[in-house]
Amino acid sequence: MAQPATKFRIGYITATVWRNGDFYNVDLSRTYKDGDEYKETSSLGHHDLLNASKVLQRAESWIASQ
């Protein structure tokens, strides 16, 4: 399985950066607990938006420096 180029996480929000040849793609996800199991979703609530903005800014800065 391919490894991500890097990850940025704040709280429950993660931006995962993947290298795709000369380009990069970013997956944005939120971790939550369902019973005893941790899961991920792309659905964000209002309280997640500031952290999402921050991890996306970090991902953009990292990609721009490559």
N, C-alpha and C. Protein backbone atom coordinates (compact mmCIF):
# COMPACT_ATOMS: atom_id res chain seq x y z
N MET A 1 0.84 -1.18 0.00
CA MET A 1 0.00 0.00 0.00
C MET A 1 0.89 1.25 0.00
N ALA A 2 0.53 2.22 -0.79
CA ALA A 2 1.31 3.46 -0.89
C ALA A 2 1.23 4.26 0.41
N GLN A 3 2.32 4.92 0.73
CA GLN A 3 2.39 5.76 1.93
C GLN A 3 2.14 7.22 1.53
N PRO A 4 1.46 7.98 2.39
CA PRO A 4 1.26 9.40 2.09
C PRO A 4 2.59 10.15 2.14
N ALA A 5 2.67 11.25 1.41
CA ALA A 5 3.86 12.09 1.44
C ALA A 5 4.02 12.73 2.82
N THR A 6 2.90 13.17 3.40
CA THR A 6 2.89 13.74 4.74
C THR A 6 1.45 13.87 5.22
N LYS A 7 1.31 14.14 6.51
CA LYS A 7 -0.02 14.37 7.11
C LYS A 7 0.07 15.57 8.03
N PHE A 8 -1.04 16.31 8.12
CA PHE A 8 -1.17 17.41 9.06
C PHE A 8 -2.44 17.17 9.86
N ARG A 9 -2.33 17.25 11.19
CA ARG A 9 -3.47 16.96 12.04
C ARG A 9 -3.62 18.01 13.12
N ILE A 10 -4.85 18.46 13.30
CA ILE A 10 -5.22 19.32 14.41
C ILE A 10 -6.51 18.76 14.98
N GLY A 11 -6.47 18.38 16.25
CA GLY A 11 -7.66 17.79 16.87
C GLY A 11 -8.05 16.52 16.12
N TYR A 12 -9.30 16.48 15.68
CA TYR A 12 -9.82 15.31 14.97
C TYR A 12 -9.70 15.44 13.46
N ILE A 13 -9.16 16.55 12.97
CA ILE A 13 -9.10 16.82 11.53
C ILE A 13 -7.71 16.53 10.99
N THR A 14 -7.66 15.80 9.86
CA THR A 14 -6.39 15.44 9.24
C THR A 14 -6.43 15.76 7.75
N ALA A 15 -5.35 16.38 7.27
CA ALA A 15 -5.12 16.56 5.83
C ALA A 15 -3.99 15.61 5.47
N THR A 16 -4.27 14.66 4.59
CA THR A 16 -3.28 13.69 4.15
C THR A 16 -2.86 14.06 2.73
N VAL A 17 -1.56 14.25 2.53
CA VAL A 17 -1.02 14.66 1.22
C VAL A 17 -0.45 13.43 0.53
N TRP A 18 -0.90 13.21 -0.71
CA TRP A 18 -0.44 12.09 -1.53
C TRP A 18 0.30 12.62 -2.74
N ARG A 19 1.43 12.01 -3.07
CA ARG A 19 2.15 12.39 -4.28
C ARG A 19 1.61 11.57 -5.44
N ASN A 20 1.33 12.27 -6.53
CA ASN A 20 0.80 11.64 -7.74
C ASN A 20 1.68 12.11 -8.91
N GLY A 21 2.84 11.46 -9.08
CA GLY A 21 3.79 11.89 -10.11
C GLY A 21 4.36 13.25 -9.73
N ASP A 22 4.14 14.25 -10.59
CA ASP A 22 4.61 15.61 -10.34
C ASP A 22 3.59 16.44 -9.58
N PHE A 23 2.46 15.86 -9.22
CA PHE A 23 1.37 16.58 -8.57
C PHE A 23 1.09 16.00 -7.19
N TYR A 24 0.31 16.72 -6.41
CA TYR A 24 -0.09 16.28 -5.08
C TYR A 24 -1.61 16.36 -4.96
N ASN A 25 -2.18 15.42 -4.24
CA ASN A 25 -3.60 15.42 -3.90
C ASN A 25 -3.72 15.44 -2.38
N VAL A 26 -4.81 16.02 -1.89
CA VAL A 26 -5.02 16.11 -0.45
C VAL A 26 -6.38 15.53 -0.10
N ASP A 27 -6.38 14.61 0.88
CA ASP A 27 -7.62 14.08 1.45
C ASP A 27 -7.83 14.74 2.80
N LEU A 28 -9.04 15.22 3.03
CA LEU A 28 -9.40 15.85 4.29
C LEU A 28 -10.36 14.91 5.01
N SER A 29 -10.07 14.61 6.29
CA SER A 29 -10.94 13.69 7.02
C SER A 29 -11.08 14.10 8.48
N ARG A 30 -12.13 13.58 9.10
CA ARG A 30 -12.38 13.78 10.53
C ARG A 30 -12.46 12.40 11.17
N THR A 31 -11.74 12.20 12.26
CA THR A 31 -11.77 10.95 13.01
C THR A 31 -12.86 11.03 14.07
N TYR A 32 -13.58 9.93 14.24
CA TYR A 32 -14.60 9.85 15.30
C TYR A 32 -14.62 8.44 15.85
N LYS A 33 -15.19 8.30 17.01
CA LYS A 33 -15.24 6.99 17.67
C LYS A 33 -16.67 6.46 17.61
N ASP A 34 -16.81 5.22 17.14
CA ASP A 34 -18.09 4.53 17.06
C ASP A 34 -17.98 3.30 17.95
N GLY A 35 -18.47 3.42 19.17
CA GLY A 35 -18.28 2.35 20.15
C GLY A 35 -16.83 2.32 20.58
N ASP A 36 -16.17 1.19 20.38
CA ASP A 36 -14.75 1.06 20.71
C ASP A 36 -13.86 1.27 19.49
N GLU A 37 -14.45 1.51 18.34
CA GLU A 37 -13.71 1.57 17.08
C GLU A 37 -13.59 3.00 16.57
N TYR A 38 -12.38 3.38 16.12
CA TYR A 38 -12.17 4.68 15.50
C TYR A 38 -12.44 4.57 14.00
N LYS A 39 -13.13 5.57 13.46
CA LYS A 39 -13.46 5.61 12.04
C LYS A 39 -13.15 7.00 11.49
N GLU A 40 -13.18 7.11 10.16
CA GLU A 40 -12.95 8.40 9.51
C GLU A 40 -14.12 8.74 8.60
N THR A 41 -14.38 10.04 8.46
CA THR A 41 -15.41 10.52 7.56
C THR A 41 -14.93 11.80 6.90
N SER A 42 -15.51 12.13 5.76
CA SER A 42 -15.21 13.40 5.11
C SER A 42 -16.24 14.47 5.49
N SER A 43 -17.24 14.08 6.27
CA SER A 43 -18.28 15.00 6.72
C SER A 43 -17.76 15.83 7.89
N LEU A 44 -17.90 17.15 7.79
CA LEU A 44 -17.42 18.05 8.84
C LEU A 44 -18.58 18.83 9.43
N GLY A 45 -18.48 19.08 10.71
CA GLY A 45 -19.45 19.94 11.38
C GLY A 45 -18.92 21.36 11.47
N HIS A 46 -19.77 22.27 11.90
CA HIS A 46 -19.39 23.67 12.03
C HIS A 46 -18.14 23.82 12.91
N HIS A 47 -18.06 23.08 13.99
CA HIS A 47 -16.94 23.17 14.92
C HIS A 47 -15.64 22.62 14.34
N ASP A 48 -15.69 21.93 13.20
CA ASP A 48 -14.50 21.37 12.56
C ASP A 48 -13.86 22.31 11.54
N LEU A 49 -14.58 23.34 11.13
CA LEU A 49 -14.15 24.12 9.97
C LEU A 49 -12.87 24.91 10.18
N LEU A 50 -12.66 25.48 11.35
CA LEU A 50 -11.43 26.25 11.58
C LEU A 50 -10.20 25.34 11.53
N ASN A 51 -10.28 24.17 12.17
CA ASN A 51 -9.15 23.24 12.12
C ASN A 51 -8.94 22.71 10.70
N ALA A 52 -10.02 22.52 9.95
CA ALA A 52 -9.89 22.08 8.56
C ALA A 52 -9.15 23.15 7.75
N SER A 53 -9.52 24.40 7.96
CA SER A 53 -8.84 25.49 7.26
C SER A 53 -7.35 25.51 7.59
N LYS A 54 -7.02 25.32 8.85
CA LYS A 54 -5.62 25.36 9.27
C LYS A 54 -4.81 24.21 8.69
N VAL A 55 -5.34 22.98 8.71
CA VAL A 55 -4.57 21.86 8.16
C VAL A 55 -4.44 21.98 6.65
N LEU A 56 -5.44 22.53 5.99
CA LEU A 56 -5.34 22.73 4.54
C LEU A 56 -4.31 23.79 4.20
N GLN A 57 -4.21 24.84 5.01
CA GLN A 57 -3.17 25.86 4.80
C GLN A 57 -1.79 25.23 4.98
N ARG A 58 -1.62 24.40 5.98
CA ARG A 58 -0.34 23.73 6.20
C ARG A 58 0.01 22.81 5.03
N ALA A 59 -0.99 22.09 4.54
CA ALA A 59 -0.77 21.21 3.38
C ALA A 59 -0.37 22.03 2.15
N GLU A 60 -1.05 23.13 1.93
CA GLU A 60 -0.74 23.97 0.77
C GLU A 60 0.68 24.53 0.87
N SER A 61 1.07 24.98 2.05
CA SER A 61 2.42 25.52 2.25
C SER A 61 3.48 24.43 2.02
N TRP A 62 3.21 23.22 2.52
CA TRP A 62 4.15 22.12 2.34
C TRP A 62 4.30 21.78 0.86
N ILE A 63 3.17 21.68 0.16
CA ILE A 63 3.21 21.35 -1.27
C ILE A 63 3.95 22.44 -2.05
N ALA A 64 3.70 23.71 -1.73
CA ALA A 64 4.35 24.81 -2.43
C ALA A 64 5.86 24.79 -2.24
N SER A 65 6.34 24.24 -1.12
CA SER A 65 7.77 24.21 -0.84
C SER A 65 8.47 23.03 -1.49
N GLN A 66 7.73 22.11 -2.08
CA GLN A 66 8.33 20.92 -2.69
C GLN A 66 8.89 21.23 -4.07
